[in-house]
C-alpha atoms as a PDB file:
ATOM      1  CA  UNK A   1     -29.901 -28.334  47.442  1.00  0.00           C
ATOM      2  CA  UNK A   2     -26.543 -30.090  47.312  1.00  0.00           C
ATOM      3  CA  UNK A   3     -24.912 -27.598  44.955  1.00  0.00           C
ATOM      4  CA  UNK A   4     -23.279 -24.297  45.646  1.00  0.00           C
ATOM      5  CA  UNK A   5     -20.322 -23.275  47.781  1.00  0.00           C
ATOM      6  CA  UNK A   6     -19.943 -25.728  50.627  1.00  0.00           C
ATOM      7  CA  UNK A   7     -17.396 -26.746  53.258  1.00  0.00           C
ATOM      8  CA  UNK A   8     -17.746 -30.259  54.676  1.00  0.00           C
ATOM      9  CA  UNK A   9     -21.274 -30.337  53.217  1.00  0.00           C
ATOM     10  CA  UNK A  10     -22.434 -27.073  54.887  1.00  0.00           C
ATOM     11  CA  UNK A  11     -23.270 -23.929  52.891  1.00  0.00           C
ATOM     12  CA  UNK A  12     -20.638 -21.222  53.299  1.00  0.00           C
ATOM     13  CA  UNK A  13     -23.105 -18.395  52.831  1.00  0.00           C
ATOM     14  CA  UNK A  14     -25.061 -19.478  55.894  1.00  0.00           C
ATOM     15  CA  UNK A  15     -21.869 -19.764  57.922  1.00  0.00           C
ATOM     16  CA  UNK A  16     -20.570 -16.274  57.221  1.00  0.00           C
ATOM     17  CA  UNK A  17     -23.754 -14.235  56.925  1.00  0.00           C
ATOM     18  CA  UNK A  18     -23.901 -13.720  60.688  1.00  0.00           C
ATOM     19  CA  UNK A  19     -20.778 -11.551  60.638  1.00  0.00           C
ATOM     20  CA  UNK A  20     -22.145  -8.645  58.564  1.00  0.00           C
ATOM     21  CA  UNK A  21     -25.452  -8.906  60.384  1.00  0.00           C
ATOM     22  CA  UNK A  22     -23.790  -8.557  63.762  1.00  0.00           C
ATOM     23  CA  UNK A  23     -21.313  -5.855  62.753  1.00  0.00           C
ATOM     24  CA  UNK A  24     -23.798  -3.679  60.873  1.00  0.00           C
ATOM     25  CA  UNK A  25     -26.523  -4.198  63.459  1.00  0.00           C
ATOM     26  CA  UNK A  26     -24.346  -3.285  66.444  1.00  0.00           C
ATOM     27  CA  UNK A  27     -23.132  -0.146  64.665  1.00  0.00           C
ATOM     28  CA  UNK A  28     -26.550   1.340  65.543  1.00  0.00           C
ATOM     29  CA  UNK A  29     -25.849   0.577  69.205  1.00  0.00           C
ATOM     30  CA  UNK A  30     -22.508   2.347  69.056  1.00  0.00           C
ATOM     31  CA  UNK A  31     -24.105   5.374  67.295  1.00  0.00           C
ATOM     32  CA  UNK A  32     -26.659   5.528  70.116  1.00  0.00           C
ATOM     33  CA  UNK A  33     -23.874   5.355  72.685  1.00  0.00           C
ATOM     34  CA  UNK A  34     -22.101   8.195  70.829  1.00  0.00           C
ATOM     35  CA  UNK A  35     -25.222  10.343  70.987  1.00  0.00           C
ATOM     36  CA  UNK A  36     -25.822   9.468  74.637  1.00  0.00           C
ATOM     37  CA  UNK A  37     -22.228   9.890  75.863  1.00  0.00           C
ATOM     38  CA  UNK A  38     -21.032  12.495  73.353  1.00  0.00           C
ATOM     39  CA  UNK A  39     -17.639  10.808  73.088  1.00  0.00           C
ATOM     40  CA  UNK A  40     -15.846  10.292  69.796  1.00  0.00           C
ATOM     41  CA  UNK A  41     -14.744   6.781  70.754  1.00  0.00           C
ATOM     42  CA  UNK A  42     -18.272   5.409  70.151  1.00  0.00           C
ATOM     43  CA  UNK A  43     -18.469   7.043  66.716  1.00  0.00           C
ATOM     44  CA  UNK A  44     -15.114   5.473  65.806  1.00  0.00           C
ATOM     45  CA  UNK A  45     -16.282   2.048  66.934  1.00  0.00           C
ATOM     46  CA  UNK A  46     -19.455   2.471  64.846  1.00  0.00           C
ATOM     47  CA  UNK A  47     -17.427   3.520  61.809  1.00  0.00           C
ATOM     48  CA  UNK A  48     -15.172   0.503  61.971  1.00  0.00           C
ATOM     49  CA  UNK A  49     -18.133  -1.811  62.640  1.00  0.00           C
ATOM     50  CA  UNK A  50     -19.720  -0.556  59.425  1.00  0.00           C
ATOM     51  CA  UNK A  51     -16.490  -0.811  57.474  1.00  0.00           C
ATOM     52  CA  UNK A  52     -15.823  -4.377  58.620  1.00  0.00           C
ATOM     53  CA  UNK A  53     -19.501  -5.240  58.198  1.00  0.00           C
ATOM     54  CA  UNK A  54     -19.390  -4.114  54.564  1.00  0.00           C
ATOM     55  CA  UNK A  55     -16.250  -6.126  53.891  1.00  0.00           C
ATOM     56  CA  UNK A  56     -17.833  -9.250  55.365  1.00  0.00           C
ATOM     57  CA  UNK A  57     -21.071  -8.501  53.486  1.00  0.00           C
ATOM     58  CA  UNK A  58     -19.165  -8.586  50.232  1.00  0.00           C
ATOM     59  CA  UNK A  59     -17.691 -11.959  51.116  1.00  0.00           C
ATOM     60  CA  UNK A  60     -21.150 -13.267  52.132  1.00  0.00           C
ATOM     61  CA  UNK A  61     -22.675 -11.845  48.938  1.00  0.00           C
ATOM     62  CA  UNK A  62     -20.119 -13.674  46.791  1.00  0.00           C
ATOM     63  CA  UNK A  63     -20.890 -16.924  48.563  1.00  0.00           C
ATOM     64  CA  UNK A  64     -24.614 -16.236  48.232  1.00  0.00           C
ATOM     65  CA  UNK A  65     -24.268 -15.454  44.550  1.00  0.00           C
ATOM     66  CA  UNK A  66     -22.550 -18.819  43.984  1.00  0.00           C
ATOM     67  CA  UNK A  67     -25.390 -20.553  45.810  1.00  0.00           C
ATOM     68  CA  UNK A  68     -27.984 -18.567  43.907  1.00  0.00           C
ATOM     69  CA  UNK A  69     -26.393 -19.512  40.568  1.00  0.00           C
ATOM     70  CA  UNK A  70     -26.635 -23.171  41.624  1.00  0.00           C
ATOM     71  CA  UNK A  71     -30.442 -23.056  42.118  1.00  0.00           C
ATOM     72  CA  UNK A  72     -32.335 -24.918  39.385  1.00  0.00           C
ATOM     73  CA  UNK A  73     -34.376 -22.666  37.093  1.00  0.00           C
ATOM     74  CA  UNK A  74     -37.729 -24.319  37.907  1.00  0.00           C
ATOM     75  CA  UNK A  75     -37.237 -24.204  41.703  1.00  0.00           C
ATOM     76  CA  UNK A  76     -39.488 -22.036  43.885  1.00  0.00           C
ATOM     77  CA  UNK A  77     -36.364 -21.099  45.831  1.00  0.00           C
ATOM     78  CA  UNK A  78     -35.283 -18.927  42.909  1.00  0.00           C
ATOM     79  CA  UNK A  79     -37.859 -16.216  43.677  1.00  0.00           C
ATOM     80  CA  UNK A  80     -37.112 -16.247  47.378  1.00  0.00           C
ATOM     81  CA  UNK A  81     -33.390 -16.002  46.661  1.00  0.00           C
ATOM     82  CA  UNK A  82     -33.929 -13.048  44.324  1.00  0.00           C
ATOM     83  CA  UNK A  83     -36.029 -11.198  46.914  1.00  0.00           C
ATOM     84  CA  UNK A  84     -33.422 -11.907  49.637  1.00  0.00           C
ATOM     85  CA  UNK A  85     -30.640 -10.637  47.367  1.00  0.00           C
ATOM     86  CA  UNK A  86     -32.488  -7.402  46.552  1.00  0.00           C
ATOM     87  CA  UNK A  87     -33.297  -6.683  50.209  1.00  0.00           C
ATOM     88  CA  UNK A  88     -29.738  -7.355  51.335  1.00  0.00           C
ATOM     89  CA  UNK A  89     -28.222  -5.246  48.503  1.00  0.00           C
ATOM     90  CA  UNK A  90     -30.530  -2.378  49.495  1.00  0.00           C
ATOM     91  CA  UNK A  91     -29.429  -2.672  53.151  1.00  0.00           C
ATOM     92  CA  UNK A  92     -25.739  -2.804  52.162  1.00  0.00           C
ATOM     93  CA  UNK A  93     -26.207   0.246  49.903  1.00  0.00           C
ATOM     94  CA  UNK A  94     -27.769   2.153  52.813  1.00  0.00           C
ATOM     95  CA  UNK A  95     -24.855   1.284  55.096  1.00  0.00           C
ATOM     96  CA  UNK A  96     -22.354   2.145  52.316  1.00  0.00           C
ATOM     97  CA  UNK A  97     -23.986   5.546  52.029  1.00  0.00           C
ATOM     98  CA  UNK A  98     -23.829   5.932  55.789  1.00  0.00           C
ATOM     99  CA  UNK A  99     -20.087   5.154  55.813  1.00  0.00           C
END
């Protein structure tokens, strides 16, 4: 697929999707550290990881939506893209509720 949001020929969604994954994923680590240590610092780090993760998830979702819109209607990638989008929106909704 040569269409969609690209920088120097590379898809932007793939470039930026690691940021929300890392930020939201490590928030669980900081929550565990907060439980283990009982210090408020770890809860604060987790809170800000979730907040920044959600902001970067919105940016990645916009880039992904542009790429999704560029998929041809008869492509088998359309179904995979729709499933990916639903799973990621569900995960982001769960983290938004957590925040």
